[in-house]
Amino acid sequence: MGKRSFRRVYTSLCFGVYEKKKPELIYIAYAETDDFAHDGDYSAYLKSANTTDGMLKELWNFTQSDSFYKGNTVFIVTTDHGRGTEPLKTWRRHGKNIDGADQVWLIVFGNNIKVKGEVLEQGQLHSISIAPTVLSILDVAIDNSNINGKILDVLVK
């Protein structure tokens, strides 16, 4: 099964879980862009990012048409690592010795999320703070002895 077929099957399975199980938290990892980046196939990388964007739109439209999810859904979209930036040829790689690989992006939207557009804050936000932010959104008590990150107050109403 090719990458394109797998991606579509994966998304279809997610919709099946949404409809039948009605989970309050769903984690989806689309890794295809990373695969194409490692291959150095920039055209496929951009196409995959565009396709993934379309699937996120489908997920958003589904949540807005389902009474269980509408008005209750938060989307958190990010990546587990950045990409090399300097020199440009390092965009195919990541790791502690690659400049820029420690920089990730984060998109958050939905119920009880502040609408801010691009957030430019002094200091740095860290991906370790995503877990406590999710717990806060779900109104789950946070055991600070087990979590190192801080709630991203800049996002949550």
Protein backbone atom coordinates (compact mmCIF):
# COMPACT_ATOMS: atom_id res chain seq x y z
CA MET A 1 0.00 0.00 0.00
CA GLY A 2 1.48 3.37 -1.01
CA LYS A 3 1.75 6.41 1.23
CA ARG A 4 -1.23 8.10 -0.40
CA SER A 5 -3.47 5.05 0.14
CA PHE A 6 -2.33 4.65 3.74
CA ARG A 7 -3.01 8.32 4.52
CA ARG A 8 -6.58 8.05 3.23
CA VAL A 9 -7.23 4.75 5.07
CA TYR A 10 -5.79 6.27 8.26
CA THR A 11 -8.09 9.28 8.02
CA SER A 12 -11.11 7.06 7.29
CA LEU A 13 -10.33 4.97 10.37
CA CYS A 14 -10.20 8.15 12.45
CA PHE A 15 -13.65 9.18 11.22
CA GLY A 16 -14.96 5.72 12.13
CA VAL A 17 -13.61 6.07 15.65
CA TYR A 18 -15.13 9.56 15.98
CA GLU A 19 -18.56 8.38 14.92
CA LYS A 20 -18.70 5.14 16.93
CA LYS A 21 -16.68 5.77 20.09
CA LYS A 22 -17.09 9.57 20.53
CA PRO A 23 -13.69 10.01 22.24
CA GLU A 24 -12.97 13.25 24.07
CA LEU A 25 -9.32 13.18 23.02
CA ILE A 26 -7.88 11.95 19.75
CA TYR A 27 -4.21 11.96 18.77
CA ILE A 28 -3.41 11.75 15.07
CA ALA A 29 0.15 11.74 13.74
CA TYR A 30 0.60 12.51 10.07
CA ALA A 31 4.27 11.74 9.41
CA GLU A 32 4.32 11.81 5.64
CA THR A 33 5.89 15.25 5.28
CA ASP A 34 8.80 14.05 7.42
CA ASP A 35 9.31 11.06 5.15
CA PHE A 36 9.41 13.23 2.02
CA ALA A 37 11.76 15.73 3.68
CA HIS A 38 14.22 12.96 4.55
CA ASP A 39 14.00 11.81 0.92
CA GLY A 40 14.79 15.38 -0.19
CA ASP A 41 11.64 15.46 -2.32
CA TYR A 42 10.52 19.05 -1.73
CA SER A 43 7.69 18.91 -4.27
CA ALA A 44 6.19 15.81 -2.60
CA TYR A 45 6.77 17.44 0.81
CA LEU A 46 4.70 20.49 -0.20
CA LYS A 47 2.00 18.34 -1.80
CA SER A 48 1.77 16.20 1.34
CA ALA A 49 1.49 19.29 3.56
CA ASN A 50 -1.33 20.56 1.34
CA THR A 51 -3.11 17.18 1.46
CA THR A 52 -2.77 17.03 5.24
CA ASP A 53 -4.22 20.54 5.43
CA GLY A 54 -7.21 19.28 3.43
CA MET A 55 -7.67 16.37 5.82
CA LEU A 56 -7.61 18.75 8.78
CA LYS A 57 -10.33 20.75 7.04
CA GLU A 58 -12.37 17.55 6.66
CA LEU A 59 -11.92 16.81 10.36
CA TRP A 60 -12.96 20.35 11.31
CA ASN A 61 -16.05 20.16 9.06
CA PHE A 62 -16.98 16.81 10.58
CA THR A 63 -16.68 18.11 14.13
CA GLN A 64 -18.83 21.11 13.27
CA SER A 65 -21.57 18.86 11.85
CA ASP A 66 -21.66 16.42 14.79
CA SER A 67 -23.62 17.49 17.89
CA PHE A 68 -21.19 15.72 20.24
CA TYR A 69 -18.16 17.62 18.92
CA LYS A 70 -19.61 20.94 17.74
CA GLY A 71 -18.63 23.71 20.13
CA ASN A 72 -16.58 21.27 22.22
CA THR A 73 -13.63 20.52 19.97
CA VAL A 74 -10.08 21.82 20.17
CA PHE A 75 -7.51 21.12 17.49
CA ILE A 76 -3.81 21.15 18.37
CA VAL A 77 -1.60 20.75 15.34
CA THR A 78 2.16 20.61 15.68
CA THR A 79 5.24 18.63 14.83
CA ASP A 80 7.61 16.62 16.98
CA HIS A 81 10.69 18.42 15.69
CA GLY A 82 11.80 21.22 13.44
CA ARG A 83 13.89 21.14 10.31
CA GLY A 84 17.36 22.40 9.56
CA THR A 85 17.50 25.96 8.28
CA GLU A 86 21.18 26.92 7.93
CA PRO A 87 22.73 25.92 5.68
CA LEU A 88 19.63 25.35 3.55
CA LYS A 89 20.65 21.82 2.54
CA THR A 90 20.01 20.71 6.15
CA TRP A 91 16.21 21.08 5.70
CA ARG A 92 16.17 17.31 5.12
CA ARG A 93 17.45 16.60 8.60
CA HIS A 94 16.77 17.21 12.26
CA GLY A 95 18.59 16.56 15.51
CA LYS A 96 20.50 18.38 18.18
CA ASN A 97 23.36 19.26 15.81
CA ILE A 98 21.12 20.78 13.12
CA ASP A 99 20.44 24.53 13.40
CA GLY A 100 16.69 25.21 13.46
CA ALA A 101 15.62 21.66 14.29
CA ASP A 102 14.69 22.75 17.81
CA GLN A 103 12.12 25.23 16.43
CA VAL A 104 8.60 23.85 15.97
CA TRP A 105 5.30 25.46 15.06
CA LEU A 106 1.98 25.07 16.86
CA ILE A 107 -1.55 25.76 15.67
CA VAL A 108 -4.38 25.65 18.21
CA PHE A 109 -8.01 26.47 17.48
CA GLY A 110 -11.48 25.61 18.73
CA ASN A 111 -13.55 25.85 21.89
CA ASN A 112 -12.09 28.04 24.67
CA ILE A 113 -8.99 28.93 22.65
CA LYS A 114 -8.00 32.58 22.32
CA VAL A 115 -8.07 33.82 18.73
CA LYS A 116 -4.69 35.50 18.40
CA GLY A 117 -3.36 34.85 14.91
CA GLU A 118 0.40 34.49 14.88
CA VAL A 119 1.65 34.85 18.44
CA LEU A 120 4.89 36.70 18.87
CA GLU A 121 5.80 36.55 22.55
CA GLN A 122 8.96 37.55 24.32
CA GLY A 123 10.79 34.43 25.37
CA GLN A 124 10.18 30.97 24.06
CA LEU A 125 7.28 28.56 24.31
CA HIS A 126 8.23 24.89 24.62
CA SER A 127 6.57 21.78 23.21
CA ILE A 128 6.85 20.18 26.65
CA SER A 129 4.00 22.53 27.58
CA ILE A 130 1.52 20.93 25.18
CA ALA A 131 0.62 18.07 27.56
CA PRO A 132 -0.32 20.29 30.54
CA THR A 133 -2.20 22.59 28.17
CA VAL A 134 -4.24 19.63 26.88
CA LEU A 135 -4.97 18.56 30.46
CA SER A 136 -6.08 22.10 31.29
CA ILE A 137 -8.38 22.22 28.26
CA LEU A 138 -9.90 18.88 29.32
CA ASP A 139 -10.23 20.18 32.89
CA VAL A 140 -8.08 17.35 34.23
CA ALA A 141 -6.12 17.91 37.43
CA ILE A 142 -2.42 18.28 36.80
CA ASP A 143 0.10 16.50 39.02
CA ASN A 144 2.99 18.96 38.79
CA SER A 145 5.40 16.38 40.19
CA ASN A 146 5.00 14.37 36.97
CA ILE A 147 4.80 17.17 34.38
CA ASN A 148 7.61 19.56 33.63
CA GLY A 149 5.86 21.90 31.20
CA LYS A 150 3.62 24.86 32.01
CA ILE A 151 0.13 25.57 30.68
CA LEU A 152 0.34 27.79 27.61
CA ASP A 153 -1.84 30.56 29.06
CA VAL A 154 -1.34 32.60 25.91
CA LEU A 155 -3.67 30.10 24.17
CA VAL A 156 -6.34 29.09 26.68
CA LYS A 157 -9.24 31.40 27.59
